[in-house]
Amino acid sequence: MNQNQLNSASHPANKLGQPLDFLTIINKVEVRNEERITAEEKQYCEELQANLYSILDNLDKWYGLLKTESDRYKDYRNYYVHPNGKVNFGSYYIEETSDLTFRKYDFMPFEPINSIVELRANVINSFGSRIIRYFNEKYNIEVPVPEINKKNMQIDFRPDYNTYIDMVISHLGGKSFHDTAVEELLSNFQKAVKPGYHTDFLPEVKGAKITFSNIIYWDTWQREWHNVSAIGSDDIKTFDAFMAGIGYAVTGSLNVSHQSIIGFDSRNVDTSKEYSVTFKGIEGIKFFKNRRIDIRFTNADSAKACFEKLGLKDLVLPNL
């Protein structure tokens, strides 16, 4: 299977805007990329899979017991077992006066059986989501989480974490986690600092300081009613992308966000002081009521290096 086929297998429904179906993908992705992950990542995946299998063992035990019990009723009920393990059963009515067996009061295992099938699908879906989310968060990448088609999932299906890792590697186009993370981080940073149609300012480096404008928007309601400078809820992600780019350019780290600013509260930003950060290379960050942000570096050379590394000198104002 070539790389184009792998990418196609990893994104079978992206163009249609539909959820990814893991069960459609699983038989198409045949590579094994376990050697591409660290020992720590392998340990995390193996522990998660062991926990999953423990839950599945218990669910399968109860399913087997209840399924055996349910088979006693298949001759007189509308009884059908789907491939995913769910039992189709019809309702029936027995007159109290003519029923000498009291069967209408008997315990019927059908609903518990179907609940177990639902629990199996949900825990498997959670398992895959956790693995992919783990790599997304660790490397700041955006691999979509596939959804299980519960109707097509066999009752004895058990996923292998390697298949999810194959999907992640395929999504990355064969690149390393780090290279892809850097690529996406810088792309998100560029989106955050790209001048909008209503701005006349470009990022500017002066001495040991880089000045930005219009990265964030203050919450109007908080400003008017509480006189508080709060970053709008829709802008937190943008501000995190901004901080991630600054952090990477200065330290090489992929895990910088607004949480790296000491004492910073996005719901109540103090525009009267300069904030410090948890990493070296930046002396302070200052916020202004007019939405300007100043990043002060240890020296002018560091500021210039950051400015150039992030491609800020290539930004241009939009043509109005």
C-alpha atoms as a PDB file:
ATOM      1  CA  MET A   1       0.000   0.000   0.000  1.00  0.00           C
ATOM      2  CA  ASN A   2       1.528   3.317  -1.043  1.00  0.00           C
ATOM      3  CA  GLN A   3       1.349   6.558   0.926  1.00  0.00           C
ATOM      4  CA  ASN A   4      -1.548   7.946  -1.106  1.00  0.00           C
ATOM      5  CA  GLN A   5      -3.558   4.841  -0.335  1.00  0.00           C
ATOM      6  CA  LEU A   6      -2.696   5.158   3.329  1.00  0.00           C
ATOM      7  CA  ASN A   7      -3.843   8.752   3.415  1.00  0.00           C
ATOM      8  CA  SER A   8      -7.007   7.790   1.601  1.00  0.00           C
ATOM      9  CA  ALA A   9      -7.634   5.036   4.110  1.00  0.00           C
ATOM     10  CA  SER A  10      -7.107   7.440   6.965  1.00  0.00           C
ATOM     11  CA  HIS A  11      -9.548   9.995   5.573  1.00  0.00           C
ATOM     12  CA  PRO A  12     -12.312   8.005   3.839  1.00  0.00           C
ATOM     13  CA  ALA A  13     -15.040  10.543   4.572  1.00  0.00           C
ATOM     14  CA  ASN A  14     -13.272  13.830   5.122  1.00  0.00           C
ATOM     15  CA  LYS A  15     -14.312  15.233   1.743  1.00  0.00           C
ATOM     16  CA  LEU A  16     -17.911  14.332   2.459  1.00  0.00           C
ATOM     17  CA  GLY A  17     -17.809  15.913   5.880  1.00  0.00           C
ATOM     18  CA  GLN A  18     -18.905  12.668   7.517  1.00  0.00           C
ATOM     19  CA  PRO A  19     -17.444  11.036  10.658  1.00  0.00           C
ATOM     20  CA  LEU A  20     -14.493   8.755  10.129  1.00  0.00           C
ATOM     21  CA  ASP A  21     -15.447   5.098  10.516  1.00  0.00           C
ATOM     22  CA  PHE A  22     -12.702   3.135  12.262  1.00  0.00           C
ATOM     23  CA  LEU A  23     -14.109  -0.225  11.208  1.00  0.00           C
ATOM     24  CA  THR A  24     -13.944   0.827   7.558  1.00  0.00           C
ATOM     25  CA  ILE A  25     -10.345   1.924   8.017  1.00  0.00           C
ATOM     26  CA  ILE A  26      -8.982  -0.901  10.130  1.00  0.00           C
ATOM     27  CA  ASN A  27      -8.658  -3.435   7.325  1.00  0.00           C
ATOM     28  CA  LYS A  28      -7.109  -0.916   4.925  1.00  0.00           C
ATOM     29  CA  VAL A  29      -4.220   0.340   7.049  1.00  0.00           C
ATOM     30  CA  GLU A  30      -1.633  -2.409   7.105  1.00  0.00           C
ATOM     31  CA  VAL A  31       1.594  -0.658   8.111  1.00  0.00           C
ATOM     32  CA  ARG A  32       3.028  -0.995  11.573  1.00  0.00           C
ATOM     33  CA  ASN A  33       4.712   2.066  13.043  1.00  0.00           C
ATOM     34  CA  GLU A  34       5.296   0.923  16.595  1.00  0.00           C
ATOM     35  CA  GLU A  35       8.998   1.666  16.185  1.00  0.00           C
ATOM     36  CA  ARG A  36       8.084   5.299  15.516  1.00  0.00           C
ATOM     37  CA  ILE A  37       6.879   5.877  19.096  1.00  0.00           C
ATOM     38  CA  THR A  38       8.924   6.235  22.273  1.00  0.00           C
ATOM     39  CA  ALA A  39       9.129   3.692  25.080  1.00  0.00           C
ATOM     40  CA  GLU A  40       7.006   6.001  27.227  1.00  0.00           C
ATOM     41  CA  GLU A  41       4.334   6.243  24.533  1.00  0.00           C
ATOM     42  CA  LYS A  42       4.352   2.480  24.037  1.00  0.00           C
ATOM     43  CA  GLN A  43       3.925   1.930  27.773  1.00  0.00           C
ATOM     44  CA  TYR A  44       0.964   4.332  27.868  1.00  0.00           C
ATOM     45  CA  CYS A  45      -0.738   2.565  24.962  1.00  0.00           C
ATOM     46  CA  GLU A  46      -0.116  -0.900  26.377  1.00  0.00           C
ATOM     47  CA  GLU A  47      -1.470   0.043  29.800  1.00  0.00           C
ATOM     48  CA  LEU A  48      -4.536   1.618  28.226  1.00  0.00           C
ATOM     49  CA  GLN A  49      -5.134  -1.486  26.122  1.00  0.00           C
ATOM     50  CA  ALA A  50      -4.717  -3.789  29.131  1.00  0.00           C
ATOM     51  CA  ASN A  51      -7.341  -1.751  31.006  1.00  0.00           C
ATOM     52  CA  LEU A  52      -9.658  -1.909  27.996  1.00  0.00           C
ATOM     53  CA  TYR A  53      -9.309  -5.686  27.692  1.00  0.00           C
ATOM     54  CA  SER A  54     -10.053  -6.084  31.400  1.00  0.00           C
ATOM     55  CA  ILE A  55     -13.367  -4.251  30.937  1.00  0.00           C
ATOM     56  CA  LEU A  56     -14.150  -6.207  27.781  1.00  0.00           C
ATOM     57  CA  ASP A  57     -13.453  -9.493  29.595  1.00  0.00           C
ATOM     58  CA  ASN A  58     -16.049  -8.620  32.195  1.00  0.00           C
ATOM     59  CA  LEU A  59     -18.618  -7.390  29.662  1.00  0.00           C
ATOM     60  CA  ASP A  60     -18.089 -10.466  27.488  1.00  0.00           C
ATOM     61  CA  LYS A  61     -18.557 -12.755  30.498  1.00  0.00           C
ATOM     62  CA  TRP A  62     -21.948 -11.226  31.290  1.00  0.00           C
ATOM     63  CA  TYR A  63     -22.907 -11.114  27.638  1.00  0.00           C
ATOM     64  CA  GLY A  64     -22.235 -14.843  27.314  1.00  0.00           C
ATOM     65  CA  LEU A  65     -24.312 -15.684  30.374  1.00  0.00           C
ATOM     66  CA  LEU A  66     -27.249 -13.512  29.355  1.00  0.00           C
ATOM     67  CA  LYS A  67     -27.073 -14.583  25.723  1.00  0.00           C
ATOM     68  CA  THR A  68     -27.354 -18.234  26.763  1.00  0.00           C
ATOM     69  CA  GLU A  69     -30.377 -17.339  28.873  1.00  0.00           C
ATOM     70  CA  SER A  70     -31.992 -15.345  26.041  1.00  0.00           C
ATOM     71  CA  ASP A  71     -31.757 -18.269  23.637  1.00  0.00           C
ATOM     72  CA  ARG A  72     -34.517 -20.002  25.637  1.00  0.00           C
ATOM     73  CA  TYR A  73     -37.015 -17.452  24.330  1.00  0.00           C
ATOM     74  CA  LYS A  74     -36.164 -17.439  20.645  1.00  0.00           C
ATOM     75  CA  ASP A  75     -38.882 -19.933  19.695  1.00  0.00           C
ATOM     76  CA  TYR A  76     -41.837 -17.842  20.801  1.00  0.00           C
ATOM     77  CA  ARG A  77     -40.625 -14.293  20.445  1.00  0.00           C
ATOM     78  CA  ASN A  78     -39.604 -12.186  17.446  1.00  0.00           C
ATOM     79  CA  TYR A  79     -36.014 -13.105  18.188  1.00  0.00           C
ATOM     80  CA  TYR A  80     -33.026 -12.105  16.044  1.00  0.00           C
ATOM     81  CA  VAL A  81     -29.355 -11.551  16.915  1.00  0.00           C
ATOM     82  CA  HIS A  82     -27.568  -8.850  14.922  1.00  0.00           C
ATOM     83  CA  PRO A  83     -23.877  -9.200  13.946  1.00  0.00           C
ATOM     84  CA  ASN A  84     -22.988  -6.557  16.541  1.00  0.00           C
ATOM     85  CA  GLY A  85     -24.534  -8.752  19.244  1.00  0.00           C
ATOM     86  CA  LYS A  86     -27.727  -6.822  19.857  1.00  0.00           C
ATOM     87  CA  VAL A  87     -30.894  -8.862  20.193  1.00  0.00           C
ATOM     88  CA  ASN A  88     -34.052  -7.918  18.354  1.00  0.00           C
ATOM     89  CA  PHE A  89     -37.121  -8.888  20.360  1.00  0.00           C
ATOM     90  CA  GLY A  90     -40.815  -8.188  19.868  1.00  0.00           C
ATOM     91  CA  SER A  91     -43.439  -7.411  22.443  1.00  0.00           C
ATOM     92  CA  TYR A  92     -46.186  -9.836  23.250  1.00  0.00           C
ATOM     93  CA  TYR A  93     -49.319  -9.872  25.329  1.00  0.00           C
ATOM     94  CA  ILE A  94     -50.510 -12.653  27.635  1.00  0.00           C
ATOM     95  CA  GLU A  95     -53.874 -12.438  29.317  1.00  0.00           C
ATOM     96  CA  GLU A  96     -53.658 -12.720  33.069  1.00  0.00           C
ATOM     97  CA  THR A  97     -56.625 -15.125  33.242  1.00  0.00           C
ATOM     98  CA  SER A  98     -55.303 -17.576  30.639  1.00  0.00           C
ATOM     99  CA  ASP A  99     -51.665 -17.549  31.678  1.00  0.00           C
ATOM    100  CA  LEU A 100     -50.928 -20.321  34.122  1.00  0.00           C
ATOM    101  CA  THR A 101     -47.143 -19.962  33.772  1.00  0.00           C
ATOM    102  CA  PHE A 102     -46.831 -16.354  35.038  1.00  0.00           C
ATOM    103  CA  ARG A 103     -44.378 -15.882  32.179  1.00  0.00           C
ATOM    104  CA  LYS A 104     -45.253 -12.212  31.851  1.00  0.00           C
ATOM    105  CA  TYR A 105     -43.497 -11.650  35.169  1.00  0.00           C
ATOM    106  CA  ASP A 106     -40.351 -13.508  34.126  1.00  0.00           C
ATOM    107  CA  PHE A 107     -37.020 -11.697  33.820  1.00  0.00           C
ATOM    108  CA  MET A 108     -36.148 -11.098  30.179  1.00  0.00           C
ATOM    109  CA  PRO A 109     -32.409 -10.578  29.498  1.00  0.00           C
ATOM    110  CA  PHE A 110     -32.777  -8.753  26.182  1.00  0.00           C
ATOM    111  CA  GLU A 111     -32.415  -5.167  27.370  1.00  0.00           C
ATOM    112  CA  PRO A 112     -29.373  -5.963  29.569  1.00  0.00           C
ATOM    113  CA  ILE A 113     -27.796  -7.728  26.587  1.00  0.00           C
ATOM    114  CA  ASN A 114     -28.251  -4.677  24.378  1.00  0.00           C
ATOM    115  CA  SER A 115     -26.902  -2.442  27.148  1.00  0.00           C
ATOM    116  CA  ILE A 116     -23.738  -4.559  27.252  1.00  0.00           C
ATOM    117  CA  VAL A 117     -23.341  -4.234  23.469  1.00  0.00           C
ATOM    118  CA  GLU A 118     -23.666  -0.468  23.821  1.00  0.00           C
ATOM    119  CA  LEU A 119     -21.130  -0.396  26.663  1.00  0.00           C
ATOM    120  CA  ARG A 120     -18.639  -2.423  24.580  1.00  0.00           C
ATOM    121  CA  ALA A 121     -18.904   0.017  21.682  1.00  0.00           C
ATOM    122  CA  ASN A 122     -18.609   3.035  23.954  1.00  0.00           C
ATOM    123  CA  VAL A 123     -15.521   1.808  25.826  1.00  0.00           C
ATOM    124  CA  ILE A 124     -13.793   0.850  22.558  1.00  0.00           C
ATOM    125  CA  ASN A 125     -14.615   4.257  21.132  1.00  0.00           C
ATOM    126  CA  SER A 126     -13.246   5.907  24.277  1.00  0.00           C
ATOM    127  CA  PHE A 127     -10.062   3.816  24.013  1.00  0.00           C
ATOM    128  CA  GLY A 128      -9.351   5.001  20.469  1.00  0.00           C
ATOM    129  CA  SER A 129     -10.220   8.569  21.335  1.00  0.00           C
ATOM    130  CA  ARG A 130      -7.828   8.576  24.291  1.00  0.00           C
ATOM    131  CA  ILE A 131      -4.911   7.214  22.272  1.00  0.00           C
ATOM    132  CA  ILE A 132      -5.304   9.723  19.455  1.00  0.00           C
ATOM    133  CA  ARG A 133      -5.984  12.574  21.896  1.00  0.00           C
ATOM    134  CA  TYR A 134      -2.792  11.610  23.761  1.00  0.00           C
ATOM    135  CA  PHE A 135      -0.663  12.123  20.643  1.00  0.00           C
ATOM    136  CA  ASN A 136      -2.629  15.214  19.602  1.00  0.00           C
ATOM    137  CA  GLU A 137      -2.010  16.877  22.954  1.00  0.00           C
ATOM    138  CA  LYS A 138       1.591  15.742  23.319  1.00  0.00           C
ATOM    139  CA  TYR A 139       2.666  16.952  19.873  1.00  0.00           C
ATOM    140  CA  ASN A 140       0.064  19.668  19.249  1.00  0.00           C
ATOM    141  CA  ILE A 141      -1.196  17.934  16.123  1.00  0.00           C
ATOM    142  CA  GLU A 142      -4.781  17.593  14.904  1.00  0.00           C
ATOM    143  CA  VAL A 143      -5.457  13.993  13.910  1.00  0.00           C
ATOM    144  CA  PRO A 144      -9.228  13.391  13.673  1.00  0.00           C
ATOM    145  CA  VAL A 145     -10.724  10.766  15.948  1.00  0.00           C
ATOM    146  CA  PRO A 146     -12.595   8.020  14.050  1.00  0.00           C
ATOM    147  CA  GLU A 147     -16.064   7.023  15.134  1.00  0.00           C
ATOM    148  CA  ILE A 148     -17.061   3.403  15.441  1.00  0.00           C
ATOM    149  CA  ASN A 149     -19.971   2.248  13.346  1.00  0.00           C
ATOM    150  CA  LYS A 150     -21.760   0.411  16.142  1.00  0.00           C
ATOM    151  CA  LYS A 151     -24.083  -1.435  13.768  1.00  0.00           C
ATOM    152  CA  ASN A 152     -21.187  -3.050  11.903  1.00  0.00           C
ATOM    153  CA  MET A 153     -18.980  -3.851  14.880  1.00  0.00           C
ATOM    154  CA  GLN A 154     -18.764  -7.563  15.609  1.00  0.00           C
ATOM    155  CA  ILE A 155     -19.546  -8.530  19.178  1.00  0.00           C
ATOM    156  CA  ASP A 156     -16.105 -10.128  19.602  1.00  0.00           C
ATOM    157  CA  PHE A 157     -14.183  -7.169  18.122  1.00  0.00           C
ATOM    158  CA  ARG A 158     -11.147  -5.988  20.115  1.00  0.00           C
ATOM    159  CA  PRO A 159      -8.968  -3.136  18.809  1.00  0.00           C
ATOM    160  CA  ASP A 160      -5.180  -3.088  18.861  1.00  0.00           C
ATOM    161  CA  TYR A 161      -3.543   0.215  19.767  1.00  0.00           C
ATOM    162  CA  ASN A 162      -1.071  -0.235  16.906  1.00  0.00           C
ATOM    163  CA  THR A 163      -3.853   0.319  14.401  1.00  0.00           C
ATOM    164  CA  TYR A 164      -4.588   3.743  15.870  1.00  0.00           C
ATOM    165  CA  ILE A 165      -0.893   4.607  15.772  1.00  0.00           C
ATOM    166  CA  ASP A 166      -0.813   3.545  12.114  1.00  0.00           C
ATOM    167  CA  MET A 167      -3.688   5.941  11.486  1.00  0.00           C
ATOM    168  CA  VAL A 168      -1.816   8.766  13.192  1.00  0.00           C
ATOM    169  CA  ILE A 169       1.370   8.109  11.206  1.00  0.00           C
ATOM    170  CA  SER A 170      -0.639   7.877   7.985  1.00  0.00           C
ATOM    171  CA  HIS A 171      -2.323  11.189   8.763  1.00  0.00           C
ATOM    172  CA  LEU A 172       1.111  12.733   9.199  1.00  0.00           C
ATOM    173  CA  GLY A 173       2.078  11.668   5.674  1.00  0.00           C
ATOM    174  CA  GLY A 174       5.023   9.645   6.966  1.00  0.00           C
ATOM    175  CA  LYS A 175       6.553  12.624   8.781  1.00  0.00           C
ATOM    176  CA  SER A 176       7.755  12.427  12.345  1.00  0.00           C
ATOM    177  CA  PHE A 177       5.485  13.563  15.148  1.00  0.00           C
ATOM    178  CA  HIS A 178       7.843  16.430  15.936  1.00  0.00           C
ATOM    179  CA  ASP A 179       8.126  17.727  12.371  1.00  0.00           C
ATOM    180  CA  THR A 180       4.359  17.623  11.895  1.00  0.00           C
ATOM    181  CA  ALA A 181       3.777  19.303  15.256  1.00  0.00           C
ATOM    182  CA  VAL A 182       6.137  22.134  14.340  1.00  0.00           C
ATOM    183  CA  GLU A 183       4.489  22.519  10.944  1.00  0.00           C
ATOM    184  CA  GLU A 184       0.996  22.746  12.452  1.00  0.00           C
ATOM    185  CA  LEU A 185       2.175  24.988  15.292  1.00  0.00           C
ATOM    186  CA  LEU A 186       3.710  27.507  12.906  1.00  0.00           C
ATOM    187  CA  SER A 187       0.666  27.374  10.641  1.00  0.00           C
ATOM    188  CA  ASN A 188      -1.645  28.093  13.586  1.00  0.00           C
ATOM    189  CA  PHE A 189       0.639  30.919  14.715  1.00  0.00           C
ATOM    190  CA  GLN A 190       0.528  32.480  11.260  1.00  0.00           C
ATOM    191  CA  LYS A 191      -3.270  32.360  11.330  1.00  0.00           C
ATOM    192  CA  ALA A 192      -3.267  34.031  14.752  1.00  0.00           C
ATOM    193  CA  VAL A 193      -1.033  36.934  13.698  1.00  0.00           C
ATOM    194  CA  LYS A 194      -2.328  37.367  10.141  1.00  0.00           C
ATOM    195  CA  PRO A 195      -3.570  40.958   9.809  1.00  0.00           C
ATOM    196  CA  GLY A 196      -7.315  41.269   9.379  1.00  0.00           C
ATOM    197  CA  TYR A 197      -9.125  43.648   7.064  1.00  0.00           C
ATOM    198  CA  HIS A 198      -9.751  46.100   9.890  1.00  0.00           C
ATOM    199  CA  THR A 199      -6.181  46.530  11.093  1.00  0.00           C
ATOM    200  CA  ASP A 200      -3.477  48.966  10.081  1.00  0.00           C
ATOM    201  CA  PHE A 201      -0.722  47.389  12.161  1.00  0.00           C
ATOM    202  CA  LEU A 202       1.894  44.740  11.504  1.00  0.00           C
ATOM    203  CA  PRO A 203       4.091  43.086  14.125  1.00  0.00           C
ATOM    204  CA  GLU A 204       7.123  45.260  14.736  1.00  0.00           C
ATOM    205  CA  VAL A 205      10.486  44.586  16.369  1.00  0.00           C
ATOM    206  CA  LYS A 206      12.157  47.445  18.231  1.00  0.00           C
ATOM    207  CA  GLY A 207      15.265  46.675  20.192  1.00  0.00           C
ATOM    208  CA  ALA A 208      14.514  43.824  22.591  1.00  0.00           C
ATOM    209  CA  LYS A 209      10.755  44.067  22.082  1.00  0.00           C
ATOM    210  CA  ILE A 210       8.226  42.765  19.535  1.00  0.00           C
ATOM    211  CA  THR A 211       4.878  44.546  19.416  1.00  0.00           C
ATOM    212  CA  PHE A 212       1.687  42.855  18.219  1.00  0.00           C
ATOM    213  CA  SER A 213      -1.787  44.255  17.687  1.00  0.00           C
ATOM    214  CA  ASN A 214      -5.252  42.744  17.369  1.00  0.00           C
ATOM    215  CA  ILE A 215      -4.298  39.225  18.401  1.00  0.00           C
ATOM    216  CA  ILE A 216      -7.040  39.132  21.003  1.00  0.00           C
ATOM    217  CA  TYR A 217     -10.377  40.811  21.592  1.00  0.00           C
ATOM    218  CA  TRP A 218     -11.628  41.929  24.976  1.00  0.00           C
ATOM    219  CA  ASP A 219     -15.008  40.666  26.090  1.00  0.00           C
ATOM    220  CA  THR A 220     -17.285  43.659  25.577  1.00  0.00           C
ATOM    221  CA  TRP A 221     -19.771  42.688  28.272  1.00  0.00           C
ATOM    222  CA  GLN A 222     -17.034  42.254  30.883  1.00  0.00           C
ATOM    223  CA  ARG A 223     -15.521  45.611  29.963  1.00  0.00           C
ATOM    224  CA  GLU A 224     -18.803  47.505  30.109  1.00  0.00           C
ATOM    225  CA  TRP A 225     -20.352  45.939  33.205  1.00  0.00           C
ATOM    226  CA  HIS A 226     -17.367  44.924  35.311  1.00  0.00           C
ATOM    227  CA  ASN A 227     -14.535  47.083  33.951  1.00  0.00           C
ATOM    228  CA  VAL A 228     -12.501  43.900  33.504  1.00  0.00           C
ATOM    229  CA  SER A 229     -10.174  43.080  30.624  1.00  0.00           C
ATOM    230  CA  ALA A 230     -11.194  39.511  29.808  1.00  0.00           C
ATOM    231  CA  ILE A 231     -10.160  37.665  26.663  1.00  0.00           C
ATOM    232  CA  GLY A 232     -13.219  36.545  24.714  1.00  0.00           C
ATOM    233  CA  SER A 233     -13.896  32.829  24.995  1.00  0.00           C
ATOM    234  CA  ASP A 234     -13.527  32.411  21.222  1.00  0.00           C
ATOM    235  CA  ASP A 235     -10.058  33.989  21.325  1.00  0.00           C
ATOM    236  CA  ILE A 236      -8.408  31.730  23.917  1.00  0.00           C
ATOM    237  CA  LYS A 237      -7.494  29.163  21.262  1.00  0.00           C
ATOM    238  CA  THR A 238      -6.075  31.912  19.048  1.00  0.00           C
ATOM    239  CA  PHE A 239      -4.051  33.315  21.939  1.00  0.00           C
ATOM    240  CA  ASP A 240      -2.739  29.832  22.772  1.00  0.00           C
ATOM    241  CA  ALA A 241      -1.625  29.428  19.141  1.00  0.00           C
ATOM    242  CA  PHE A 242       0.119  32.800  19.444  1.00  0.00           C
ATOM    243  CA  MET A 243       1.894  31.801  22.675  1.00  0.00           C
ATOM    244  CA  ALA A 244       2.823  28.395  21.239  1.00  0.00           C
ATOM    245  CA  GLY A 245       4.592  30.073  18.319  1.00  0.00           C
ATOM    246  CA  ILE A 246       6.462  32.486  20.572  1.00  0.00           C
ATOM    247  CA  GLY A 247       7.428  29.670  22.926  1.00  0.00           C
ATOM    248  CA  TYR A 248       8.681  27.441  20.138  1.00  0.00           C
ATOM    249  CA  ALA A 249      10.749  30.209  18.542  1.00  0.00           C
ATOM    250  CA  VAL A 250      12.406  30.994  21.873  1.00  0.00           C
ATOM    251  CA  THR A 251      12.809  27.571  23.487  1.00  0.00           C
ATOM    252  CA  GLY A 252      12.031  24.911  20.883  1.00  0.00           C
ATOM    253  CA  SER A 253       9.264  23.601  23.149  1.00  0.00           C
ATOM    254  CA  LEU A 254       5.941  22.518  21.680  1.00  0.00           C
ATOM    255  CA  ASN A 255       3.947  22.896  24.881  1.00  0.00           C
ATOM    256  CA  VAL A 256       3.780  26.630  25.571  1.00  0.00           C
ATOM    257  CA  SER A 257       0.345  28.199  26.052  1.00  0.00           C
ATOM    258  CA  HIS A 258      -1.307  30.982  28.075  1.00  0.00           C
ATOM    259  CA  GLN A 259      -0.741  28.755  31.097  1.00  0.00           C
ATOM    260  CA  SER A 260       2.987  29.477  30.730  1.00  0.00           C
ATOM    261  CA  ILE A 261       2.325  33.071  31.822  1.00  0.00           C
ATOM    262  CA  ILE A 262       2.783  33.344  35.580  1.00  0.00           C
ATOM    263  CA  GLY A 263      -0.289  34.615  37.413  1.00  0.00           C
ATOM    264  CA  PHE A 264      -2.223  35.084  34.190  1.00  0.00           C
ATOM    265  CA  ASP A 265      -6.017  34.852  34.245  1.00  0.00           C
ATOM    266  CA  SER A 266      -7.648  35.207  30.840  1.00  0.00           C
ATOM    267  CA  ARG A 267     -10.889  36.295  32.553  1.00  0.00           C
ATOM    268  CA  ASN A 268      -9.170  39.189  34.306  1.00  0.00           C
ATOM    269  CA  VAL A 269      -6.039  40.397  32.524  1.00  0.00           C
ATOM    270  CA  ASP A 270      -4.081  43.059  34.409  1.00  0.00           C
ATOM    271  CA  THR A 271      -3.118  45.715  31.848  1.00  0.00           C
ATOM    272  CA  SER A 272      -1.207  47.712  34.442  1.00  0.00           C
ATOM    273  CA  LYS A 273       1.681  45.286  34.854  1.00  0.00           C
ATOM    274  CA  GLU A 274       4.130  43.166  32.911  1.00  0.00           C
ATOM    275  CA  TYR A 275       3.737  39.392  33.288  1.00  0.00           C
ATOM    276  CA  SER A 276       6.605  36.935  33.625  1.00  0.00           C
ATOM    277  CA  VAL A 277       6.716  33.510  31.969  1.00  0.00           C
ATOM    278  CA  THR A 278       7.824  30.065  33.086  1.00  0.00           C
ATOM    279  CA  PHE A 279      10.529  29.690  30.434  1.00  0.00           C
ATOM    280  CA  LYS A 280      13.787  31.504  29.726  1.00  0.00           C
ATOM    281  CA  GLY A 281      14.351  33.906  26.835  1.00  0.00           C
ATOM    282  CA  ILE A 282      11.443  36.264  27.505  1.00  0.00           C
ATOM    283  CA  GLU A 283      11.649  38.861  30.231  1.00  0.00           C
ATOM    284  CA  GLY A 284       8.000  39.874  30.200  1.00  0.00           C
ATOM    285  CA  ILE A 285       4.652  40.177  28.405  1.00  0.00           C
ATOM    286  CA  LYS A 286       2.582  43.353  28.618  1.00  0.00           C
ATOM    287  CA  PHE A 287      -1.073  43.678  27.633  1.00  0.00           C
ATOM    288  CA  PHE A 288      -2.752  46.967  26.736  1.00  0.00           C
ATOM    289  CA  LYS A 289      -6.387  48.029  26.712  1.00  0.00           C
ATOM    290  CA  ASN A 290      -6.144  48.814  22.994  1.00  0.00           C
ATOM    291  CA  ARG A 291      -5.339  45.065  22.434  1.00  0.00           C
ATOM    292  CA  ARG A 292      -1.650  45.636  21.864  1.00  0.00           C
ATOM    293  CA  ILE A 293       0.741  42.987  23.228  1.00  0.00           C
ATOM    294  CA  ASP A 294       4.447  43.617  23.866  1.00  0.00           C
ATOM    295  CA  ILE A 295       6.866  40.691  24.170  1.00  0.00           C
ATOM    296  CA  ARG A 296      10.135  41.775  25.833  1.00  0.00           C
ATOM    297  CA  PHE A 297      13.171  39.568  25.209  1.00  0.00           C
ATOM    298  CA  THR A 298      16.480  39.287  27.037  1.00  0.00           C
ATOM    299  CA  ASN A 299      18.210  41.251  24.281  1.00  0.00           C
ATOM    300  CA  ALA A 300      17.703  42.768  20.819  1.00  0.00           C
ATOM    301  CA  ASP A 301      19.356  39.852  19.036  1.00  0.00           C
ATOM    302  CA  SER A 302      16.901  37.387  20.593  1.00  0.00           C
ATOM    303  CA  ALA A 303      13.961  39.546  19.595  1.00  0.00           C
ATOM    304  CA  LYS A 304      15.191  39.817  16.019  1.00  0.00           C
ATOM    305  CA  ALA A 305      15.865  36.057  15.815  1.00  0.00           C
ATOM    306  CA  CYS A 306      12.332  35.295  17.022  1.00  0.00           C
ATOM    307  CA  PHE A 307      10.850  37.817  14.596  1.00  0.00           C
ATOM    308  CA  GLU A 308      12.616  36.212  11.657  1.00  0.00           C
ATOM    309  CA  LYS A 309      12.099  32.588  12.734  1.00  0.00           C
ATOM    310  CA  LEU A 310       8.334  33.118  12.905  1.00  0.00           C
ATOM    311  CA  GLY A 311       8.253  34.784   9.478  1.00  0.00           C
ATOM    312  CA  LEU A 312       6.825  38.014  10.882  1.00  0.00           C
ATOM    313  CA  LYS A 313       8.801  40.137   8.468  1.00  0.00           C
ATOM    314  CA  ASP A 314       6.889  38.540   5.585  1.00  0.00           C
ATOM    315  CA  LEU A 315       3.439  39.614   6.796  1.00  0.00           C
ATOM    316  CA  VAL A 316       1.640  42.220   4.729  1.00  0.00           C
ATOM    317  CA  LEU A 317      -1.524  44.223   5.261  1.00  0.00           C
ATOM    318  CA  PRO A 318      -4.529  42.967   3.276  1.00  0.00           C
ATOM    319  CA  ASN A 319      -5.556  44.853   0.148  1.00  0.00           C
ATOM    320  CA  LEU A 320      -8.758  46.739   0.890  1.00  0.00           C
END
